[in-house]
Amino acid sequence: MRTARILQLSIIAAVAGCSGNQSALDPQGAPAIHVEHLIIGITVICAAVWLLVMIVLGWALLRKRPSDSSQPGERSLTISVGSAVAATVIIITGLTIASFYTTRGIGLPENAALTITVRGQQWWWQVNYADPDPALSFQTANEIHIPVGQDVRVQLESADVVHSFWVPSLAGKQDLVPGRSNSLLLRAERPGIYRGQCAEFCGLQHTHMAMMVVADKPADYERWIAAQRQNGVMPTDPDAVAGKVAFLSKPCAACHTVRGTPATGTTGPDLTHIGSRKTIAAGLLETTRGSLAAWIADPQTLKPGNNMPMVPLTSVELRDISAYMESLK
């Protein structure tokens, strides 16, 4: 009974890893579907080979040994070994061909509907939406919006060390290498929020370097784009108004940008619409006034080693700045 219970729990745990918003076995786009087919194909073939080897091993252990060596036995052994070698060559060749065609299947189309540049930082993702008209270009962080049913080219760059961009439900992984630009195809077939993660050890906070890909219906995507191109909203709440004054008077404005204000820093994430993002600190915390205040007060405790310094603030200044950040939607 206990053995059966353990087996049941093991199966449930294994199956639970095959779904969710960060699973390569829960594909929601063409590139991820190609990868899933390759994974399943390799797994099935390897399982069949393992099963065949176990059967042959069992037969070899249980069969009766001949009393003396004979020529027919040696010939049979030669045929068996030769067959195994031939089968190995065929299997490896087949898997290589399958991998080749999968790679081609997830390659970039000649004309993608949209090109986004993602730049890896320690430890957050800088996302640039460029437009031929510079006035329509904008930057965000850790949250990527794409239109459903359209091919999106993601141009990958790194500012410091090697990172790896991986959104399992939408595509395979691709490295971000300093001094080099790589590209990846994203495509979502249905609206949703798909979690991604840096898949290459990049330093102390590697595990806290997540991103969200939000697949919007085309009309919703256009509304999002239009809102993101606007300058930061003018606060009306008294706390937020005071927070804007405090923000601009502190070193915050030297590192961050809020479009429409004198804050034009480029060291840290663009905060123009931070209040509209689902998370802060690359997926570490949900975007609430409380989490914003906690992050501003002591970023090194929440995410040791990040490049944001502690800025001395009074309790009133902290309350007001967090209110201002929350209002930037």
C-alpha atoms as a PDB file:
ATOM      1  CA  MET A   1       0.000   0.000   0.000  1.00  0.00           C
ATOM      2  CA  ARG A   2       2.791   2.379   0.897  1.00  0.00           C
ATOM      3  CA  THR A   3       4.662   1.561  -2.315  1.00  0.00           C
ATOM      4  CA  ALA A   4       1.546   2.214  -4.387  1.00  0.00           C
ATOM      5  CA  ARG A   5       1.048   5.554  -2.617  1.00  0.00           C
ATOM      6  CA  ILE A   6       4.645   6.606  -3.315  1.00  0.00           C
ATOM      7  CA  LEU A   7       4.268   5.602  -6.968  1.00  0.00           C
ATOM      8  CA  GLN A   8       1.040   7.600  -7.251  1.00  0.00           C
ATOM      9  CA  LEU A   9       2.614  10.713  -5.772  1.00  0.00           C
ATOM     10  CA  SER A  10       5.624  10.340  -8.064  1.00  0.00           C
ATOM     11  CA  ILE A  11       3.391  10.181 -11.145  1.00  0.00           C
ATOM     12  CA  ILE A  12       1.407  13.235  -9.989  1.00  0.00           C
ATOM     13  CA  ALA A  13       4.627  15.194  -9.400  1.00  0.00           C
ATOM     14  CA  ALA A  14       5.962  14.230 -12.820  1.00  0.00           C
ATOM     15  CA  VAL A  15       2.754  15.162 -14.637  1.00  0.00           C
ATOM     16  CA  ALA A  16       2.503  18.468 -12.738  1.00  0.00           C
ATOM     17  CA  GLY A  17       5.734  19.580 -14.394  1.00  0.00           C
ATOM     18  CA  CYS A  18       4.173  19.205 -17.860  1.00  0.00           C
ATOM     19  CA  SER A  19       1.891  22.235 -17.598  1.00  0.00           C
ATOM     20  CA  GLY A  20       1.841  25.783 -16.317  1.00  0.00           C
ATOM     21  CA  ASN A  21       3.023  29.144 -17.568  1.00  0.00           C
ATOM     22  CA  GLN A  22       6.676  28.122 -17.610  1.00  0.00           C
ATOM     23  CA  SER A  23       6.663  24.668 -19.172  1.00  0.00           C
ATOM     24  CA  ALA A  24       8.141  23.612 -22.505  1.00  0.00           C
ATOM     25  CA  LEU A  25       5.446  20.902 -22.585  1.00  0.00           C
ATOM     26  CA  ASP A  26       2.634  23.463 -22.535  1.00  0.00           C
ATOM     27  CA  PRO A  27       3.302  25.220 -25.861  1.00  0.00           C
ATOM     28  CA  GLN A  28       1.197  28.219 -26.880  1.00  0.00           C
ATOM     29  CA  GLY A  29       3.034  29.224 -30.053  1.00  0.00           C
ATOM     30  CA  ALA A  30       4.484  27.697 -33.217  1.00  0.00           C
ATOM     31  CA  PRO A  31       8.170  27.785 -32.145  1.00  0.00           C
ATOM     32  CA  ALA A  32       7.353  26.114 -28.812  1.00  0.00           C
ATOM     33  CA  ILE A  33       5.236  23.470 -30.578  1.00  0.00           C
ATOM     34  CA  HIS A  34       8.200  22.529 -32.783  1.00  0.00           C
ATOM     35  CA  VAL A  35      10.404  22.211 -29.706  1.00  0.00           C
ATOM     36  CA  GLU A  36       7.796  20.107 -27.902  1.00  0.00           C
ATOM     37  CA  HIS A  37       7.567  17.692 -30.827  1.00  0.00           C
ATOM     38  CA  LEU A  38      11.340  17.284 -30.792  1.00  0.00           C
ATOM     39  CA  ILE A  39      11.389  16.696 -27.031  1.00  0.00           C
ATOM     40  CA  ILE A  40       8.642  14.065 -27.230  1.00  0.00           C
ATOM     41  CA  GLY A  41      10.251  12.370 -30.233  1.00  0.00           C
ATOM     42  CA  ILE A  42      13.664  12.107 -28.556  1.00  0.00           C
ATOM     43  CA  THR A  43      12.081  10.914 -25.302  1.00  0.00           C
ATOM     44  CA  VAL A  44      10.041   8.184 -27.027  1.00  0.00           C
ATOM     45  CA  ILE A  45      13.007   6.937 -29.060  1.00  0.00           C
ATOM     46  CA  CYS A  46      15.323   6.915 -26.029  1.00  0.00           C
ATOM     47  CA  ALA A  47      12.678   5.086 -23.969  1.00  0.00           C
ATOM     48  CA  ALA A  48      12.269   2.470 -26.715  1.00  0.00           C
ATOM     49  CA  VAL A  49      16.031   1.970 -26.920  1.00  0.00           C
ATOM     50  CA  TRP A  50      16.287   1.621 -23.132  1.00  0.00           C
ATOM     51  CA  LEU A  51      13.426  -0.902 -23.087  1.00  0.00           C
ATOM     52  CA  LEU A  52      15.025  -2.934 -25.884  1.00  0.00           C
ATOM     53  CA  VAL A  53      18.369  -2.952 -24.088  1.00  0.00           C
ATOM     54  CA  MET A  54      16.703  -4.165 -20.892  1.00  0.00           C
ATOM     55  CA  ILE A  55      14.936  -6.971 -22.789  1.00  0.00           C
ATOM     56  CA  VAL A  56      18.177  -8.096 -24.435  1.00  0.00           C
ATOM     57  CA  LEU A  57      19.995  -7.884 -21.101  1.00  0.00           C
ATOM     58  CA  GLY A  58      17.323  -9.984 -19.409  1.00  0.00           C
ATOM     59  CA  TRP A  59      17.429 -12.539 -22.197  1.00  0.00           C
ATOM     60  CA  ALA A  60      21.242 -12.726 -21.961  1.00  0.00           C
ATOM     61  CA  LEU A  61      21.105 -13.285 -18.198  1.00  0.00           C
ATOM     62  CA  LEU A  62      18.364 -15.924 -18.277  1.00  0.00           C
ATOM     63  CA  ARG A  63      19.247 -17.979 -21.337  1.00  0.00           C
ATOM     64  CA  LYS A  64      21.154 -21.205 -21.026  1.00  0.00           C
ATOM     65  CA  ARG A  65      24.838 -21.047 -21.878  1.00  0.00           C
ATOM     66  CA  PRO A  66      26.112 -23.542 -24.466  1.00  0.00           C
ATOM     67  CA  SER A  67      28.476 -26.158 -23.078  1.00  0.00           C
ATOM     68  CA  ASP A  68      31.175 -25.283 -25.558  1.00  0.00           C
ATOM     69  CA  SER A  69      31.999 -22.526 -27.978  1.00  0.00           C
ATOM     70  CA  SER A  70      30.857 -23.046 -31.552  1.00  0.00           C
ATOM     71  CA  GLN A  71      31.142 -21.211 -34.840  1.00  0.00           C
ATOM     72  CA  PRO A  72      27.377 -20.578 -35.222  1.00  0.00           C
ATOM     73  CA  GLY A  73      27.375 -18.819 -31.834  1.00  0.00           C
ATOM     74  CA  GLU A  74      30.174 -16.490 -32.863  1.00  0.00           C
ATOM     75  CA  ARG A  75      28.419 -15.718 -36.130  1.00  0.00           C
ATOM     76  CA  SER A  76      25.203 -14.918 -34.288  1.00  0.00           C
ATOM     77  CA  LEU A  77      27.099 -12.572 -31.968  1.00  0.00           C
ATOM     78  CA  THR A  78      28.680 -10.810 -34.926  1.00  0.00           C
ATOM     79  CA  ILE A  79      25.285 -10.275 -36.547  1.00  0.00           C
ATOM     80  CA  SER A  80      23.826  -8.939 -33.289  1.00  0.00           C
ATOM     81  CA  VAL A  81      26.664  -6.463 -32.738  1.00  0.00           C
ATOM     82  CA  GLY A  82      26.556  -5.340 -36.364  1.00  0.00           C
ATOM     83  CA  SER A  83      22.784  -4.808 -36.155  1.00  0.00           C
ATOM     84  CA  ALA A  84      23.181  -2.786 -32.951  1.00  0.00           C
ATOM     85  CA  VAL A  85      25.831  -0.566 -34.546  1.00  0.00           C
ATOM     86  CA  ALA A  86      23.676  -0.015 -37.635  1.00  0.00           C
ATOM     87  CA  ALA A  87      20.642   0.814 -35.484  1.00  0.00           C
ATOM     88  CA  THR A  88      22.712   3.289 -33.464  1.00  0.00           C
ATOM     89  CA  VAL A  89      23.900   5.055 -36.613  1.00  0.00           C
ATOM     90  CA  ILE A  90      20.336   5.228 -37.970  1.00  0.00           C
ATOM     91  CA  ILE A  91      18.927   6.577 -34.688  1.00  0.00           C
ATOM     92  CA  ILE A  92      21.625   9.227 -34.258  1.00  0.00           C
ATOM     93  CA  THR A  93      21.265  10.298 -37.887  1.00  0.00           C
ATOM     94  CA  GLY A  94      17.486  10.508 -37.527  1.00  0.00           C
ATOM     95  CA  LEU A  95      17.684  12.597 -34.353  1.00  0.00           C
ATOM     96  CA  THR A  96      20.232  14.906 -35.971  1.00  0.00           C
ATOM     97  CA  ILE A  97      17.959  15.450 -38.972  1.00  0.00           C
ATOM     98  CA  ALA A  98      14.964  16.037 -36.691  1.00  0.00           C
ATOM     99  CA  SER A  99      16.942  18.588 -34.666  1.00  0.00           C
ATOM    100  CA  PHE A 100      18.076  20.315 -37.867  1.00  0.00           C
ATOM    101  CA  TYR A 101      14.553  20.695 -39.220  1.00  0.00           C
ATOM    102  CA  THR A 102      13.257  21.827 -35.826  1.00  0.00           C
ATOM    103  CA  THR A 103      15.900  24.561 -35.769  1.00  0.00           C
ATOM    104  CA  ARG A 104      14.833  25.644 -39.236  1.00  0.00           C
ATOM    105  CA  GLY A 105      11.183  25.537 -38.231  1.00  0.00           C
ATOM    106  CA  ILE A 106      11.756  28.010 -35.406  1.00  0.00           C
ATOM    107  CA  GLY A 107      13.955  30.267 -37.493  1.00  0.00           C
ATOM    108  CA  LEU A 108      13.148  33.915 -38.020  1.00  0.00           C
ATOM    109  CA  PRO A 109      10.768  34.799 -40.877  1.00  0.00           C
ATOM    110  CA  GLU A 110      11.879  37.290 -43.497  1.00  0.00           C
ATOM    111  CA  ASN A 111       9.271  39.857 -42.456  1.00  0.00           C
ATOM    112  CA  ALA A 112       8.327  39.809 -38.783  1.00  0.00           C
ATOM    113  CA  ALA A 113       5.402  41.988 -37.784  1.00  0.00           C
ATOM    114  CA  LEU A 114       7.338  43.526 -34.909  1.00  0.00           C
ATOM    115  CA  THR A 115      10.940  43.799 -33.730  1.00  0.00           C
ATOM    116  CA  ILE A 116      11.749  44.281 -30.046  1.00  0.00           C
ATOM    117  CA  THR A 117      15.217  44.697 -28.553  1.00  0.00           C
ATOM    118  CA  VAL A 118      15.807  43.035 -25.186  1.00  0.00           C
ATOM    119  CA  ARG A 119      19.013  43.890 -23.334  1.00  0.00           C
ATOM    120  CA  GLY A 120      20.084  41.794 -20.361  1.00  0.00           C
ATOM    121  CA  GLN A 121      21.323  43.612 -17.259  1.00  0.00           C
ATOM    122  CA  GLN A 122      22.384  42.392 -13.822  1.00  0.00           C
ATOM    123  CA  TRP A 123      19.620  41.622 -12.973  1.00  0.00           C
ATOM    124  CA  TRP A 124      16.718  42.878 -15.052  1.00  0.00           C
ATOM    125  CA  TRP A 125      15.558  43.050 -18.663  1.00  0.00           C
ATOM    126  CA  GLN A 126      15.589  46.313 -20.607  1.00  0.00           C
ATOM    127  CA  VAL A 127      12.996  46.242 -23.391  1.00  0.00           C
ATOM    128  CA  ASN A 128      13.075  48.715 -26.287  1.00  0.00           C
ATOM    129  CA  TYR A 129      10.232  49.266 -28.741  1.00  0.00           C
ATOM    130  CA  ALA A 130      11.849  51.205 -31.571  1.00  0.00           C
ATOM    131  CA  ASP A 131       9.983  53.158 -34.234  1.00  0.00           C
ATOM    132  CA  PRO A 132      11.246  54.993 -37.337  1.00  0.00           C
ATOM    133  CA  ASP A 133       9.885  58.088 -35.644  1.00  0.00           C
ATOM    134  CA  PRO A 134      12.030  58.531 -32.506  1.00  0.00           C
ATOM    135  CA  ALA A 135       9.132  60.307 -30.784  1.00  0.00           C
ATOM    136  CA  LEU A 136       7.161  57.043 -30.910  1.00  0.00           C
ATOM    137  CA  SER A 137       9.939  54.859 -29.504  1.00  0.00           C
ATOM    138  CA  PHE A 138       9.798  53.907 -25.844  1.00  0.00           C
ATOM    139  CA  GLN A 139      11.438  51.679 -23.275  1.00  0.00           C
ATOM    140  CA  THR A 140      10.066  49.446 -20.559  1.00  0.00           C
ATOM    141  CA  ALA A 141      11.465  46.763 -18.247  1.00  0.00           C
ATOM    142  CA  ASN A 142      10.868  43.090 -17.436  1.00  0.00           C
ATOM    143  CA  GLU A 143       7.491  42.982 -19.187  1.00  0.00           C
ATOM    144  CA  ILE A 144       7.095  42.379 -22.914  1.00  0.00           C
ATOM    145  CA  HIS A 145       3.806  42.841 -24.746  1.00  0.00           C
ATOM    146  CA  ILE A 146       3.245  41.162 -28.112  1.00  0.00           C
ATOM    147  CA  PRO A 147       0.197  40.857 -30.396  1.00  0.00           C
ATOM    148  CA  VAL A 148      -1.462  37.447 -30.635  1.00  0.00           C
ATOM    149  CA  GLY A 149      -1.042  35.532 -33.889  1.00  0.00           C
ATOM    150  CA  GLN A 150       1.886  37.581 -35.186  1.00  0.00           C
ATOM    151  CA  ASP A 151       5.580  36.786 -35.577  1.00  0.00           C
ATOM    152  CA  VAL A 152       7.743  38.906 -33.285  1.00  0.00           C
ATOM    153  CA  ARG A 153      11.493  39.187 -33.729  1.00  0.00           C
ATOM    154  CA  VAL A 154      13.307  39.620 -30.413  1.00  0.00           C
ATOM    155  CA  GLN A 155      16.798  41.038 -30.815  1.00  0.00           C
ATOM    156  CA  LEU A 156      18.902  39.995 -27.837  1.00  0.00           C
ATOM    157  CA  GLU A 157      21.856  41.918 -26.416  1.00  0.00           C
ATOM    158  CA  SER A 158      23.768  41.969 -23.131  1.00  0.00           C
ATOM    159  CA  ALA A 159      25.268  44.859 -21.229  1.00  0.00           C
ATOM    160  CA  ASP A 160      27.483  42.843 -18.889  1.00  0.00           C
ATOM    161  CA  VAL A 161      27.692  39.018 -18.845  1.00  0.00           C
ATOM    162  CA  VAL A 162      26.122  36.109 -20.725  1.00  0.00           C
ATOM    163  CA  HIS A 163      22.388  35.801 -20.033  1.00  0.00           C
ATOM    164  CA  SER A 164      19.866  33.455 -21.643  1.00  0.00           C
ATOM    165  CA  PHE A 165      16.346  34.450 -22.695  1.00  0.00           C
ATOM    166  CA  TRP A 166      13.834  31.625 -22.250  1.00  0.00           C
ATOM    167  CA  VAL A 167      10.039  31.705 -22.357  1.00  0.00           C
ATOM    168  CA  PRO A 168       9.315  27.937 -22.494  1.00  0.00           C
ATOM    169  CA  SER A 169       5.659  28.180 -23.538  1.00  0.00           C
ATOM    170  CA  LEU A 170       6.495  30.364 -26.538  1.00  0.00           C
ATOM    171  CA  ALA A 171       9.984  29.505 -27.804  1.00  0.00           C
ATOM    172  CA  GLY A 172      13.326  27.871 -27.175  1.00  0.00           C
ATOM    173  CA  LYS A 173      16.142  29.613 -25.356  1.00  0.00           C
ATOM    174  CA  GLN A 174      18.739  31.943 -26.819  1.00  0.00           C
ATOM    175  CA  ASP A 175      21.855  33.445 -25.239  1.00  0.00           C
ATOM    176  CA  LEU A 176      22.555  37.144 -24.848  1.00  0.00           C
ATOM    177  CA  VAL A 177      26.287  37.617 -25.383  1.00  0.00           C
ATOM    178  CA  PRO A 178      28.155  40.905 -24.748  1.00  0.00           C
ATOM    179  CA  GLY A 179      29.283  42.472 -28.005  1.00  0.00           C
ATOM    180  CA  ARG A 180      27.024  40.256 -30.113  1.00  0.00           C
ATOM    181  CA  SER A 181      23.412  40.456 -31.232  1.00  0.00           C
ATOM    182  CA  ASN A 182      21.306  37.262 -31.396  1.00  0.00           C
ATOM    183  CA  SER A 183      17.687  36.926 -32.454  1.00  0.00           C
ATOM    184  CA  LEU A 184      14.716  34.795 -31.458  1.00  0.00           C
ATOM    185  CA  LEU A 185      11.207  34.285 -32.813  1.00  0.00           C
ATOM    186  CA  LEU A 186       8.232  34.700 -30.460  1.00  0.00           C
ATOM    187  CA  ARG A 187       4.692  33.891 -31.462  1.00  0.00           C
ATOM    188  CA  ALA A 188       1.652  33.396 -29.250  1.00  0.00           C
ATOM    189  CA  GLU A 189      -1.508  31.808 -30.598  1.00  0.00           C
ATOM    190  CA  ARG A 190      -3.754  32.838 -27.716  1.00  0.00           C
ATOM    191  CA  PRO A 191      -3.896  35.730 -25.227  1.00  0.00           C
ATOM    192  CA  GLY A 192      -2.228  35.141 -21.895  1.00  0.00           C
ATOM    193  CA  ILE A 193       0.689  35.870 -19.608  1.00  0.00           C
ATOM    194  CA  TYR A 194       3.756  33.690 -20.154  1.00  0.00           C
ATOM    195  CA  ARG A 195       6.562  33.650 -17.635  1.00  0.00           C
ATOM    196  CA  GLY A 196      10.173  33.550 -18.752  1.00  0.00           C
ATOM    197  CA  GLN A 197      13.461  33.221 -16.949  1.00  0.00           C
ATOM    198  CA  CYS A 198      17.164  33.796 -17.456  1.00  0.00           C
ATOM    199  CA  ALA A 199      18.505  30.308 -18.168  1.00  0.00           C
ATOM    200  CA  GLU A 200      22.233  31.031 -17.932  1.00  0.00           C
ATOM    201  CA  PHE A 201      23.939  31.635 -14.588  1.00  0.00           C
ATOM    202  CA  CYS A 202      24.700  35.345 -14.645  1.00  0.00           C
ATOM    203  CA  GLY A 203      25.590  36.176 -11.065  1.00  0.00           C
ATOM    204  CA  LEU A 204      24.274  36.379  -7.544  1.00  0.00           C
ATOM    205  CA  GLN A 205      20.632  37.132  -8.450  1.00  0.00           C
ATOM    206  CA  HIS A 206      20.348  34.862 -11.488  1.00  0.00           C
ATOM    207  CA  THR A 207      17.269  33.112 -10.070  1.00  0.00           C
ATOM    208  CA  HIS A 208      15.566  36.481  -9.535  1.00  0.00           C
ATOM    209  CA  MET A 209      15.750  37.511 -13.180  1.00  0.00           C
ATOM    210  CA  ALA A 210      12.349  36.703 -14.610  1.00  0.00           C
ATOM    211  CA  MET A 211      10.285  38.368 -17.294  1.00  0.00           C
ATOM    212  CA  MET A 212       6.632  38.337 -18.303  1.00  0.00           C
ATOM    213  CA  VAL A 213       5.496  38.091 -21.914  1.00  0.00           C
ATOM    214  CA  VAL A 214       1.935  39.374 -22.213  1.00  0.00           C
ATOM    215  CA  ALA A 215       0.183  38.267 -25.404  1.00  0.00           C
ATOM    216  CA  ASP A 216      -2.609  40.739 -26.166  1.00  0.00           C
ATOM    217  CA  LYS A 217      -5.353  40.683 -28.748  1.00  0.00           C
ATOM    218  CA  PRO A 218      -4.320  43.043 -31.591  1.00  0.00           C
ATOM    219  CA  ALA A 219      -6.750  45.784 -30.492  1.00  0.00           C
ATOM    220  CA  ASP A 220      -5.596  45.538 -26.862  1.00  0.00           C
ATOM    221  CA  TYR A 221      -1.980  45.596 -27.989  1.00  0.00           C
ATOM    222  CA  GLU A 222      -2.517  48.792 -29.980  1.00  0.00           C
ATOM    223  CA  ARG A 223      -4.113  50.424 -26.934  1.00  0.00           C
ATOM    224  CA  TRP A 224      -1.161  49.352 -24.797  1.00  0.00           C
ATOM    225  CA  ILE A 225       1.315  50.739 -27.324  1.00  0.00           C
ATOM    226  CA  ALA A 226      -0.542  54.057 -27.472  1.00  0.00           C
ATOM    227  CA  ALA A 227      -0.537  54.331 -23.664  1.00  0.00           C
ATOM    228  CA  GLN A 228       3.159  53.470 -23.374  1.00  0.00           C
ATOM    229  CA  ARG A 229       4.112  56.179 -25.844  1.00  0.00           C
ATOM    230  CA  GLN A 230       2.597  58.825 -23.602  1.00  0.00           C
ATOM    231  CA  ASN A 231       4.590  60.765 -21.035  1.00  0.00           C
ATOM    232  CA  GLY A 232       4.252  59.954 -17.364  1.00  0.00           C
ATOM    233  CA  VAL A 233       0.908  60.996 -15.923  1.00  0.00           C
ATOM    234  CA  MET A 234       0.661  64.158 -13.864  1.00  0.00           C
ATOM    235  CA  PRO A 235      -0.261  63.102 -10.319  1.00  0.00           C
ATOM    236  CA  THR A 236      -3.276  64.596  -8.625  1.00  0.00           C
ATOM    237  CA  ASP A 237      -3.207  62.784  -5.277  1.00  0.00           C
ATOM    238  CA  PRO A 238      -1.449  64.996  -2.680  1.00  0.00           C
ATOM    239  CA  ASP A 239       0.922  62.180  -1.646  1.00  0.00           C
ATOM    240  CA  ALA A 240       1.857  61.469  -5.259  1.00  0.00           C
ATOM    241  CA  VAL A 241       2.366  65.175  -6.014  1.00  0.00           C
ATOM    242  CA  ALA A 242       4.735  65.451  -3.056  1.00  0.00           C
ATOM    243  CA  GLY A 243       6.358  62.181  -4.155  1.00  0.00           C
ATOM    244  CA  LYS A 244       7.147  63.592  -7.591  1.00  0.00           C
ATOM    245  CA  VAL A 245       8.908  66.556  -5.997  1.00  0.00           C
ATOM    246  CA  ALA A 246      10.880  64.269  -3.700  1.00  0.00           C
ATOM    247  CA  PHE A 247      11.754  61.898  -6.557  1.00  0.00           C
ATOM    248  CA  LEU A 248      13.154  64.697  -8.703  1.00  0.00           C
ATOM    249  CA  SER A 249      15.136  66.184  -5.820  1.00  0.00           C
ATOM    250  CA  LYS A 250      16.821  62.899  -4.900  1.00  0.00           C
ATOM    251  CA  PRO A 251      19.467  60.837  -6.781  1.00  0.00           C
ATOM    252  CA  CYS A 252      16.590  58.726  -8.207  1.00  0.00           C
ATOM    253  CA  ALA A 253      16.287  61.112 -11.160  1.00  0.00           C
ATOM    254  CA  ALA A 254      19.953  60.614 -12.066  1.00  0.00           C
ATOM    255  CA  CYS A 255      19.456  56.871 -12.672  1.00  0.00           C
ATOM    256  CA  HIS A 256      15.868  56.597 -13.917  1.00  0.00           C
ATOM    257  CA  THR A 257      13.744  58.174 -16.623  1.00  0.00           C
ATOM    258  CA  VAL A 258      10.194  59.399 -16.263  1.00  0.00           C
ATOM    259  CA  ARG A 259       9.264  60.910 -19.605  1.00  0.00           C
ATOM    260  CA  GLY A 260       7.745  64.354 -19.333  1.00  0.00           C
ATOM    261  CA  THR A 261       9.893  65.239 -16.305  1.00  0.00           C
ATOM    262  CA  PRO A 262      13.536  66.327 -15.848  1.00  0.00           C
ATOM    263  CA  ALA A 263      14.362  62.715 -14.827  1.00  0.00           C
ATOM    264  CA  THR A 264      16.378  61.316 -17.756  1.00  0.00           C
ATOM    265  CA  GLY A 265      18.736  58.798 -16.176  1.00  0.00           C
ATOM    266  CA  THR A 266      19.578  55.657 -18.142  1.00  0.00           C
ATOM    267  CA  THR A 267      21.360  53.482 -15.567  1.00  0.00           C
ATOM    268  CA  GLY A 268      18.208  51.904 -14.176  1.00  0.00           C
ATOM    269  CA  PRO A 269      14.850  50.909 -15.654  1.00  0.00           C
ATOM    270  CA  ASP A 270      12.579  53.470 -17.286  1.00  0.00           C
ATOM    271  CA  LEU A 271       9.849  54.248 -14.718  1.00  0.00           C
ATOM    272  CA  THR A 272       7.472  56.211 -16.941  1.00  0.00           C
ATOM    273  CA  HIS A 273       4.716  53.608 -16.584  1.00  0.00           C
ATOM    274  CA  ILE A 274       6.007  51.433 -13.755  1.00  0.00           C
ATOM    275  CA  GLY A 275       2.608  51.430 -12.041  1.00  0.00           C
ATOM    276  CA  SER A 276       1.094  49.545 -14.988  1.00  0.00           C
ATOM    277  CA  ARG A 277       3.583  46.645 -14.786  1.00  0.00           C
ATOM    278  CA  LYS A 278       2.564  43.480 -13.037  1.00  0.00           C
ATOM    279  CA  THR A 279       5.844  43.064 -11.139  1.00  0.00           C
ATOM    280  CA  ILE A 280       8.945  44.989 -10.114  1.00  0.00           C
ATOM    281  CA  ALA A 281      12.572  43.925  -9.653  1.00  0.00           C
ATOM    282  CA  ALA A 282      12.369  41.416 -12.545  1.00  0.00           C
ATOM    283  CA  GLY A 283       9.474  39.410 -11.185  1.00  0.00           C
ATOM    284  CA  LEU A 284      10.559  39.507  -7.549  1.00  0.00           C
ATOM    285  CA  LEU A 285       7.530  41.417  -6.192  1.00  0.00           C
ATOM    286  CA  GLU A 286       4.026  42.259  -7.343  1.00  0.00           C
ATOM    287  CA  THR A 287       3.551  45.927  -8.141  1.00  0.00           C
ATOM    288  CA  THR A 288       1.792  47.377  -5.113  1.00  0.00           C
ATOM    289  CA  ARG A 289       2.440  50.520  -3.144  1.00  0.00           C
ATOM    290  CA  GLY A 290       3.776  48.430  -0.271  1.00  0.00           C
ATOM    291  CA  SER A 291       6.224  46.466  -2.419  1.00  0.00           C
ATOM    292  CA  LEU A 292       7.356  49.671  -4.140  1.00  0.00           C
ATOM    293  CA  ALA A 293       8.052  51.247  -0.741  1.00  0.00           C
ATOM    294  CA  ALA A 294       9.923  48.147   0.450  1.00  0.00           C
ATOM    295  CA  TRP A 295      12.071  48.086  -2.685  1.00  0.00           C
ATOM    296  CA  ILE A 296      12.864  51.813  -2.550  1.00  0.00           C
ATOM    297  CA  ALA A 297      13.687  51.633   1.162  1.00  0.00           C
ATOM    298  CA  ASP A 298      16.140  48.719   0.980  1.00  0.00           C
ATOM    299  CA  PRO A 299      16.760  47.116  -2.427  1.00  0.00           C
ATOM    300  CA  GLN A 300      19.915  45.358  -1.237  1.00  0.00           C
ATOM    301  CA  THR A 301      18.052  43.290   1.357  1.00  0.00           C
ATOM    302  CA  LEU A 302      15.466  42.166  -1.172  1.00  0.00           C
ATOM    303  CA  LYS A 303      17.935  41.575  -4.009  1.00  0.00           C
ATOM    304  CA  PRO A 304      21.542  41.624  -2.749  1.00  0.00           C
ATOM    305  CA  GLY A 305      24.152  42.752  -5.244  1.00  0.00           C
ATOM    306  CA  ASN A 306      21.865  44.695  -7.580  1.00  0.00           C
ATOM    307  CA  ASN A 307      23.062  48.073  -8.811  1.00  0.00           C
ATOM    308  CA  MET A 308      20.422  50.195  -7.063  1.00  0.00           C
ATOM    309  CA  PRO A 309      21.915  52.019  -4.067  1.00  0.00           C
ATOM    310  CA  MET A 310      20.083  52.805  -0.852  1.00  0.00           C
ATOM    311  CA  VAL A 311      18.882  56.401  -0.935  1.00  0.00           C
ATOM    312  CA  PRO A 312      18.389  58.005   2.489  1.00  0.00           C
ATOM    313  CA  LEU A 313      14.720  58.939   2.814  1.00  0.00           C
ATOM    314  CA  THR A 314      12.467  60.010   5.626  1.00  0.00           C
ATOM    315  CA  SER A 315       9.341  57.955   6.254  1.00  0.00           C
ATOM    316  CA  VAL A 316       7.240  60.724   4.722  1.00  0.00           C
ATOM    317  CA  GLU A 317       9.420  60.880   1.585  1.00  0.00           C
ATOM    318  CA  LEU A 318       9.258  57.107   1.235  1.00  0.00           C
ATOM    319  CA  ARG A 319       5.474  57.165   1.537  1.00  0.00           C
ATOM    320  CA  ASP A 320       5.144  59.938  -1.027  1.00  0.00           C
ATOM    321  CA  ILE A 321       7.584  58.499  -3.597  1.00  0.00           C
ATOM    322  CA  SER A 322       5.914  55.088  -3.452  1.00  0.00           C
ATOM    323  CA  ALA A 323       2.564  56.823  -4.056  1.00  0.00           C
ATOM    324  CA  TYR A 324       4.047  58.623  -7.070  1.00  0.00           C
ATOM    325  CA  MET A 325       5.482  55.388  -8.490  1.00  0.00           C
ATOM    326  CA  GLU A 326       2.137  53.640  -8.090  1.00  0.00           C
ATOM    327  CA  SER A 327       0.402  56.470  -9.954  1.00  0.00           C
ATOM    328  CA  LEU A 328       2.626  56.103 -13.046  1.00  0.00           C
ATOM    329  CA  LYS A 329       0.281  53.978 -15.147  1.00  0.00           C
END
